[in-house]
C-alpha atoms as a PDB file:
ATOM      1  CA  MET A   1     -15.093  -9.318 -11.817  1.00  0.00           C
ATOM      2  CA  ALA A   2     -12.237  -7.297 -10.319  1.00  0.00           C
ATOM      3  CA  ILE A   3     -14.406  -6.214  -7.395  1.00  0.00           C
ATOM      4  CA  PHE A   4     -15.491  -9.827  -6.824  1.00  0.00           C
ATOM      5  CA  THR A   5     -11.855 -10.907  -6.762  1.00  0.00           C
ATOM      6  CA  TYR A   6     -10.702  -8.271  -4.300  1.00  0.00           C
ATOM      7  CA  GLU A   7     -13.709  -8.083  -2.016  1.00  0.00           C
ATOM      8  CA  ASN A   8     -14.323 -11.804  -1.719  1.00  0.00           C
ATOM      9  CA  LEU A   9     -10.867 -13.306  -2.217  1.00  0.00           C
ATOM     10  CA  VAL A  10      -8.014 -10.883  -1.581  1.00  0.00           C
ATOM     11  CA  ASP A  11      -9.472  -8.695   1.179  1.00  0.00           C
ATOM     12  CA  PRO A  12     -10.452 -11.607   3.482  1.00  0.00           C
ATOM     13  CA  ILE A  13      -6.973 -13.152   3.147  1.00  0.00           C
ATOM     14  CA  LEU A  14      -5.356  -9.838   4.042  1.00  0.00           C
ATOM     15  CA  LYS A  15      -7.778  -8.905   6.831  1.00  0.00           C
ATOM     16  CA  ILE A  16      -5.382  -9.707   9.694  1.00  0.00           C
ATOM     17  CA  VAL A  17      -2.581  -7.860   7.928  1.00  0.00           C
ATOM     18  CA  ARG A  18      -4.731  -4.783   7.389  1.00  0.00           C
ATOM     19  CA  GLN A  19      -5.873  -4.778  11.010  1.00  0.00           C
ATOM     20  CA  SER A  20      -2.285  -5.073  12.260  1.00  0.00           C
ATOM     21  CA  VAL A  21      -0.814  -2.207  10.255  1.00  0.00           C
ATOM     22  CA  VAL A  22      -1.965   0.590  12.582  1.00  0.00           C
ATOM     23  CA  ASP A  23      -0.191  -0.879  15.613  1.00  0.00           C
ATOM     24  CA  PHE A  24       2.784  -1.992  13.532  1.00  0.00           C
ATOM     25  CA  ALA A  25       3.316   1.519  12.140  1.00  0.00           C
ATOM     26  CA  VAL A  26       2.477   3.208  15.474  1.00  0.00           C
ATOM     27  CA  MET A  27      -0.267   5.291  13.906  1.00  0.00           C
ATOM     28  CA  LYS A  28      -2.459   7.304  16.242  1.00  0.00           C
ATOM     29  CA  ALA A  29      -5.950   8.746  16.130  1.00  0.00           C
ATOM     30  CA  GLY A  30      -5.830  12.092  14.353  1.00  0.00           C
ATOM     31  CA  ASN A  31      -2.891  11.167  12.127  1.00  0.00           C
ATOM     32  CA  SER A  32      -3.258  11.847   8.411  1.00  0.00           C
ATOM     33  CA  VAL A  33      -2.702   8.818   6.167  1.00  0.00           C
ATOM     34  CA  LEU A  34      -2.794   8.413   2.410  1.00  0.00           C
ATOM     35  CA  ASP A  35      -3.312   4.956   0.909  1.00  0.00           C
ATOM     36  CA  VAL A  36      -2.355   4.858  -2.772  1.00  0.00           C
ATOM     37  CA  CYS A  37      -3.939   2.427  -5.233  1.00  0.00           C
ATOM     38  CA  CYS A  38      -6.534   1.769  -2.527  1.00  0.00           C
ATOM     39  CA  GLY A  39      -8.842  -0.498  -4.568  1.00  0.00           C
ATOM     40  CA  THR A  40     -11.967  -1.326  -2.572  1.00  0.00           C
ATOM     41  CA  GLY A  41     -10.787   0.919   0.272  1.00  0.00           C
ATOM     42  CA  ALA A  42     -10.351  -1.940   2.756  1.00  0.00           C
ATOM     43  CA  GLN A  43      -7.137  -0.510   4.210  1.00  0.00           C
ATOM     44  CA  VAL A  44      -8.534   3.015   4.392  1.00  0.00           C
ATOM     45  CA  ILE A  45     -11.539   1.721   6.315  1.00  0.00           C
ATOM     46  CA  GLU A  46      -9.259  -0.022   8.828  1.00  0.00           C
ATOM     47  CA  TYR A  47      -7.496   3.290   9.371  1.00  0.00           C
ATOM     48  CA  GLY A  48     -10.838   5.018   9.811  1.00  0.00           C
ATOM     49  CA  ARG A  49     -11.930   2.546  12.463  1.00  0.00           C
ATOM     50  CA  CYS A  50      -8.946   3.695  14.539  1.00  0.00           C
ATOM     51  CA  GLY A  51      -9.820   7.390  14.356  1.00  0.00           C
ATOM     52  CA  ILE A  52      -7.236   8.146  11.676  1.00  0.00           C
ATOM     53  CA  ASN A  53      -7.959  10.748   8.997  1.00  0.00           C
ATOM     54  CA  ALA A  54      -7.424   8.574   5.941  1.00  0.00           C
ATOM     55  CA  THR A  55      -7.532   9.254   2.221  1.00  0.00           C
ATOM     56  CA  GLY A  56      -7.579   6.631  -0.511  1.00  0.00           C
ATOM     57  CA  ILE A  57      -6.794   7.200  -4.178  1.00  0.00           C
ATOM     58  CA  ASP A  58      -7.201   4.910  -7.170  1.00  0.00           C
ATOM     59  CA  MET A  59      -7.777   5.128 -10.918  1.00  0.00           C
ATOM     60  CA  ASP A  60     -10.498   2.468 -10.985  1.00  0.00           C
ATOM     61  CA  LYS A  61     -13.913   4.149 -10.752  1.00  0.00           C
ATOM     62  CA  ASN A  62     -15.695   0.859 -10.028  1.00  0.00           C
ATOM     63  CA  MET A  63     -13.402   0.097  -7.111  1.00  0.00           C
ATOM     64  CA  LEU A  64     -13.879   3.573  -5.679  1.00  0.00           C
ATOM     65  CA  ALA A  65     -17.663   3.347  -6.079  1.00  0.00           C
ATOM     66  CA  PHE A  66     -17.534   0.197  -3.972  1.00  0.00           C
ATOM     67  CA  ALA A  67     -15.323   1.983  -1.417  1.00  0.00           C
ATOM     68  CA  GLU A  68     -17.777   4.891  -1.214  1.00  0.00           C
ATOM     69  CA  LYS A  69     -20.658   2.471  -0.559  1.00  0.00           C
ATOM     70  CA  ASN A  70     -18.748   0.941   2.347  1.00  0.00           C
ATOM     71  CA  LYS A  71     -17.912   4.383   3.685  1.00  0.00           C
ATOM     72  CA  ALA A  72     -21.600   5.351   3.639  1.00  0.00           C
ATOM     73  CA  ARG A  73     -22.664   2.054   5.190  1.00  0.00           C
ATOM     74  CA  LEU A  74     -20.198   2.482   8.056  1.00  0.00           C
ATOM     75  CA  LYS A  75     -20.972   6.207   8.411  1.00  0.00           C
ATOM     76  CA  MET A  76     -17.296   7.198   8.497  1.00  0.00           C
ATOM     77  CA  ASP A  77     -16.680  10.912   8.070  1.00  0.00           C
ATOM     78  CA  ASN A  78     -12.925  10.704   8.714  1.00  0.00           C
ATOM     79  CA  ILE A  79     -12.124   8.899   5.459  1.00  0.00           C
ATOM     80  CA  SER A  80     -12.320  10.020   1.834  1.00  0.00           C
ATOM     81  CA  PHE A  81     -11.708   8.608  -1.628  1.00  0.00           C
ATOM     82  CA  PHE A  82     -10.563  10.288  -4.827  1.00  0.00           C
ATOM     83  CA  ILE A  83      -9.848   9.287  -8.403  1.00  0.00           C
ATOM     84  CA  ALA A  84      -6.160  10.048  -8.887  1.00  0.00           C
ATOM     85  CA  ASP A  85      -3.016   8.743 -10.537  1.00  0.00           C
ATOM     86  CA  ALA A  86      -0.495   7.361  -8.028  1.00  0.00           C
ATOM     87  CA  THR A  87       2.350   8.484 -10.312  1.00  0.00           C
ATOM     88  CA  ASP A  88       1.138  12.103 -10.146  1.00  0.00           C
ATOM     89  CA  LEU A  89      -0.543  12.652  -6.792  1.00  0.00           C
ATOM     90  CA  PRO A  90      -2.727  15.779  -6.467  1.00  0.00           C
ATOM     91  CA  PHE A  91      -1.306  16.715  -3.057  1.00  0.00           C
ATOM     92  CA  ASP A  92       1.293  19.166  -1.794  1.00  0.00           C
ATOM     93  CA  ASP A  93       4.722  18.109  -0.615  1.00  0.00           C
ATOM     94  CA  ASP A  94       5.074  16.901   2.986  1.00  0.00           C
ATOM     95  CA  CYS A  95       1.374  16.767   3.854  1.00  0.00           C
ATOM     96  CA  PHE A  96       0.746  13.241   5.270  1.00  0.00           C
ATOM     97  CA  ASP A  97       1.997  11.598   8.449  1.00  0.00           C
ATOM     98  CA  PHE A  98       1.979   8.218   6.701  1.00  0.00           C
ATOM     99  CA  VAL A  99       1.636   7.020   3.123  1.00  0.00           C
ATOM    100  CA  SER A 100       0.861   3.357   2.487  1.00  0.00           C
ATOM    101  CA  VAL A 101       0.538   1.006  -0.454  1.00  0.00           C
ATOM    102  CA  SER A 102      -0.802  -2.529  -0.177  1.00  0.00           C
ATOM    103  CA  PHE A 103      -0.346  -5.159  -2.875  1.00  0.00           C
ATOM    104  CA  ALA A 104      -0.232  -2.574  -5.640  1.00  0.00           C
ATOM    105  CA  LEU A 105       3.464  -2.521  -6.549  1.00  0.00           C
ATOM    106  CA  HIS A 106       4.203  -6.126  -7.481  1.00  0.00           C
ATOM    107  CA  ASP A 107       2.058  -6.082 -10.626  1.00  0.00           C
ATOM    108  CA  LYS A 108       3.409  -2.853 -12.125  1.00  0.00           C
ATOM    109  CA  PRO A 109       6.240  -2.279 -14.616  1.00  0.00           C
ATOM    110  CA  PRO A 110       9.466  -1.085 -12.932  1.00  0.00           C
ATOM    111  CA  ALA A 111       9.177   2.498 -14.230  1.00  0.00           C
ATOM    112  CA  VAL A 112       5.603   2.892 -12.969  1.00  0.00           C
ATOM    113  CA  ARG A 113       6.487   1.279  -9.655  1.00  0.00           C
ATOM    114  CA  SER A 114       9.367   3.698  -9.210  1.00  0.00           C
ATOM    115  CA  SER A 115       7.180   6.711 -10.013  1.00  0.00           C
ATOM    116  CA  VAL A 116       4.576   5.634  -7.456  1.00  0.00           C
ATOM    117  CA  VAL A 117       7.173   5.349  -4.694  1.00  0.00           C
ATOM    118  CA  SER A 118       8.743   8.682  -5.664  1.00  0.00           C
ATOM    119  CA  GLU A 119       5.351  10.358  -5.276  1.00  0.00           C
ATOM    120  CA  MET A 120       4.806   8.629  -1.940  1.00  0.00           C
ATOM    121  CA  LYS A 121       8.143  10.035  -0.765  1.00  0.00           C
ATOM    122  CA  ARG A 122       7.196  13.515  -1.949  1.00  0.00           C
ATOM    123  CA  VAL A 123       3.900  13.804  -0.085  1.00  0.00           C
ATOM    124  CA  VAL A 124       4.930  12.224   3.232  1.00  0.00           C
ATOM    125  CA  LYS A 125       6.160  14.543   5.984  1.00  0.00           C
ATOM    126  CA  ARG A 126       9.844  14.669   6.868  1.00  0.00           C
ATOM    127  CA  ASP A 127       9.234  12.850  10.162  1.00  0.00           C
ATOM    128  CA  GLY A 128       6.532  10.604   8.681  1.00  0.00           C
ATOM    129  CA  ALA A 129       6.813   7.086   7.312  1.00  0.00           C
ATOM    130  CA  LEU A 130       6.028   4.989   4.260  1.00  0.00           C
ATOM    131  CA  ILE A 131       4.275   1.651   4.753  1.00  0.00           C
ATOM    132  CA  PHE A 132       4.677  -1.114   2.173  1.00  0.00           C
ATOM    133  CA  MET A 133       2.532  -4.264   2.217  1.00  0.00           C
ATOM    134  CA  ASP A 134       3.288  -6.808  -0.468  1.00  0.00           C
ATOM    135  CA  PHE A 135       4.545 -10.302  -1.190  1.00  0.00           C
ATOM    136  CA  ASN A 136       7.616 -11.261   0.810  1.00  0.00           C
ATOM    137  CA  ILE A 137      10.446 -12.081  -1.606  1.00  0.00           C
ATOM    138  CA  PRO A 138      11.582 -14.801  -1.850  1.00  0.00           C
ATOM    139  CA  LEU A 139       8.155 -16.323  -1.331  1.00  0.00           C
ATOM    140  CA  PRO A 140       8.050 -19.121   1.246  1.00  0.00           C
ATOM    141  CA  ARG A 141       8.021 -22.710   0.008  1.00  0.00           C
ATOM    142  CA  ASN A 142       4.717 -23.526   1.638  1.00  0.00           C
ATOM    143  CA  ILE A 143       1.055 -23.521   0.640  1.00  0.00           C
ATOM    144  CA  TRP A 144       0.893 -19.718   0.970  1.00  0.00           C
ATOM    145  CA  GLY A 145       3.820 -19.167  -1.349  1.00  0.00           C
ATOM    146  CA  VAL A 146       2.580 -21.715  -3.871  1.00  0.00           C
ATOM    147  CA  GLY A 147      -0.885 -20.169  -3.780  1.00  0.00           C
ATOM    148  CA  ALA A 148       0.528 -16.697  -4.420  1.00  0.00           C
ATOM    149  CA  ASN A 149       2.406 -17.918  -7.479  1.00  0.00           C
ATOM    150  CA  ILE A 150      -0.684 -19.671  -8.837  1.00  0.00           C
ATOM    151  CA  VAL A 151      -2.965 -16.641  -8.367  1.00  0.00           C
ATOM    152  CA  GLU A 152      -0.460 -14.309 -10.027  1.00  0.00           C
ATOM    153  CA  TYR A 153       0.114 -16.746 -12.907  1.00  0.00           C
ATOM    154  CA  PHE A 154      -3.596 -16.885 -13.707  1.00  0.00           C
ATOM    155  CA  ALA A 155      -3.833 -13.088 -13.504  1.00  0.00           C
ATOM    156  CA  GLY A 156      -1.761 -13.208 -16.689  1.00  0.00           C
ATOM    157  CA  GLY A 157      -0.701 -10.436 -19.039  1.00  0.00           C
ATOM    158  CA  GLU A 158       1.164  -7.377 -17.782  1.00  0.00           C
ATOM    159  CA  HIS A 159       0.107  -8.187 -14.236  1.00  0.00           C
ATOM    160  CA  TYR A 160       2.045 -11.448 -14.270  1.00  0.00           C
ATOM    161  CA  LEU A 161       5.015  -9.896 -16.070  1.00  0.00           C
ATOM    162  CA  GLY A 162       5.192  -7.254 -13.347  1.00  0.00           C
ATOM    163  CA  PHE A 163       5.009  -9.943 -10.667  1.00  0.00           C
ATOM    164  CA  LYS A 164       7.858 -11.911 -12.262  1.00  0.00           C
ATOM    165  CA  GLU A 165      10.068  -8.823 -12.419  1.00  0.00           C
ATOM    166  CA  PHE A 166       9.131  -7.931  -8.835  1.00  0.00           C
ATOM    167  CA  LYS A 167      10.318 -11.364  -7.666  1.00  0.00           C
ATOM    168  CA  GLU A 168      13.465 -11.366  -9.765  1.00  0.00           C
ATOM    169  CA  SER A 169      14.490  -7.871  -8.665  1.00  0.00           C
ATOM    170  CA  GLY A 170      14.126  -8.533  -4.930  1.00  0.00           C
ATOM    171  CA  GLY A 171      10.671  -7.181  -4.092  1.00  0.00           C
ATOM    172  CA  VAL A 172      10.093  -4.467  -1.486  1.00  0.00           C
ATOM    173  CA  SER A 173      13.640  -4.793  -0.118  1.00  0.00           C
ATOM    174  CA  LYS A 174      15.046  -3.734  -3.472  1.00  0.00           C
ATOM    175  CA  ILE A 175      12.512  -0.905  -3.843  1.00  0.00           C
ATOM    176  CA  VAL A 176      13.467   0.491  -0.441  1.00  0.00           C
ATOM    177  CA  GLU A 177      17.156   0.288  -1.308  1.00  0.00           C
ATOM    178  CA  GLU A 178      16.769   1.938  -4.715  1.00  0.00           C
ATOM    179  CA  HIS A 179      14.851   4.873  -3.218  1.00  0.00           C
ATOM    180  CA  GLY A 180      17.308   5.482  -0.406  1.00  0.00           C
ATOM    181  CA  LEU A 181      14.749   4.718   2.290  1.00  0.00           C
ATOM    182  CA  ALA A 182      15.706   3.768   5.830  1.00  0.00           C
ATOM    183  CA  VAL A 183      13.869   0.671   7.084  1.00  0.00           C
ATOM    184  CA  GLN A 184      12.586   1.056  10.631  1.00  0.00           C
ATOM    185  CA  LYS A 185      10.940  -2.329  11.025  1.00  0.00           C
ATOM    186  CA  THR A 186       9.601  -5.319   9.109  1.00  0.00           C
ATOM    187  CA  GLN A 187       7.002  -7.935  10.023  1.00  0.00           C
ATOM    188  CA  LEU A 188       5.917 -11.076   8.173  1.00  0.00           C
ATOM    189  CA  PHE A 189       2.367 -12.444   7.998  1.00  0.00           C
ATOM    190  CA  ASN A 190       0.543 -15.452   6.523  1.00  0.00           C
ATOM    191  CA  ARG A 191       3.399 -17.896   7.129  1.00  0.00           C
ATOM    192  CA  GLY A 192       5.930 -15.584   5.519  1.00  0.00           C
ATOM    193  CA  MET A 193       3.936 -14.774   2.380  1.00  0.00           C
ATOM    194  CA  VAL A 194       3.305 -11.110   3.246  1.00  0.00           C
ATOM    195  CA  ALA A 195       5.891  -8.550   4.298  1.00  0.00           C
ATOM    196  CA  VAL A 196       4.984  -5.234   5.908  1.00  0.00           C
ATOM    197  CA  VAL A 197       7.774  -2.665   5.939  1.00  0.00           C
ATOM    198  CA  LYS A 198       7.929   0.709   7.654  1.00  0.00           C
ATOM    199  CA  ALA A 199      10.505   3.091   6.201  1.00  0.00           C
ATOM    200  CA  GLN A 200      11.482   6.740   6.386  1.00  0.00           C
ATOM    201  CA  THR A 201      12.747   9.044   3.660  1.00  0.00           C
ATOM    202  CA  ASN A 202      15.481  10.846   5.617  1.00  0.00           C
ATOM    203  CA  LYS A 203      14.444  14.094   3.958  1.00  0.00           C
ATOM    204  CA  GLN A 204      16.853  16.941   4.536  1.00  0.00           C
ATOM    205  CA  TYR A 205      15.772  20.577   4.396  1.00  0.00           C
ATOM    206  CA  PRO A 206      18.063  23.610   4.387  1.00  0.00           C
ATOM    207  CA  GLN A 207      18.243  25.389   7.710  1.00  0.00           C
ATOM    208  CA  THR A 208      16.787  28.879   7.904  1.00  0.00           C
ATOM    209  CA  THR A 209      18.224  31.707   9.901  1.00  0.00           C
END
């Protein structure tokens, strides 16, 4: 059921957003990009289409099986998928040009959300960037905003509780602030329902002599 929801409902709605991220973030062919909580791999595939070396990680084996099928169908050898925990990424520090997360923070408890972003910060290069795609908070008072609230309400359980806290705490803007990230640019999509944010970590390393 989860695959049906994402592949046939969520992914089509976000298609324009996913296609716009490469230009928005100024990614280039040959860049290395990690997409955490990648689900069906839709964002990773968009990166791959642009010649980017992209990696997707997720804990859901069914989602990743679907992603692998799409990878094989499209014959993409510049993308890969792994089962991994976004709160404990199996990668070295400073190894990706970009690290992205799309619609995978709003449904998580605050502590988990914070751990995911901390790991994203750890594995991105000093001069790299983090890309956040999620609901724009406050949601617009139009059909897109109403629809988002309805979908999240019917998701129920911890998912909905996470969404409520995400809205009440200020969404991506608050996450960026809490993690000391410097926002480079922001763009809204779907009549203001979706916000895409590019931010840097401002990592400082001791000088060597």
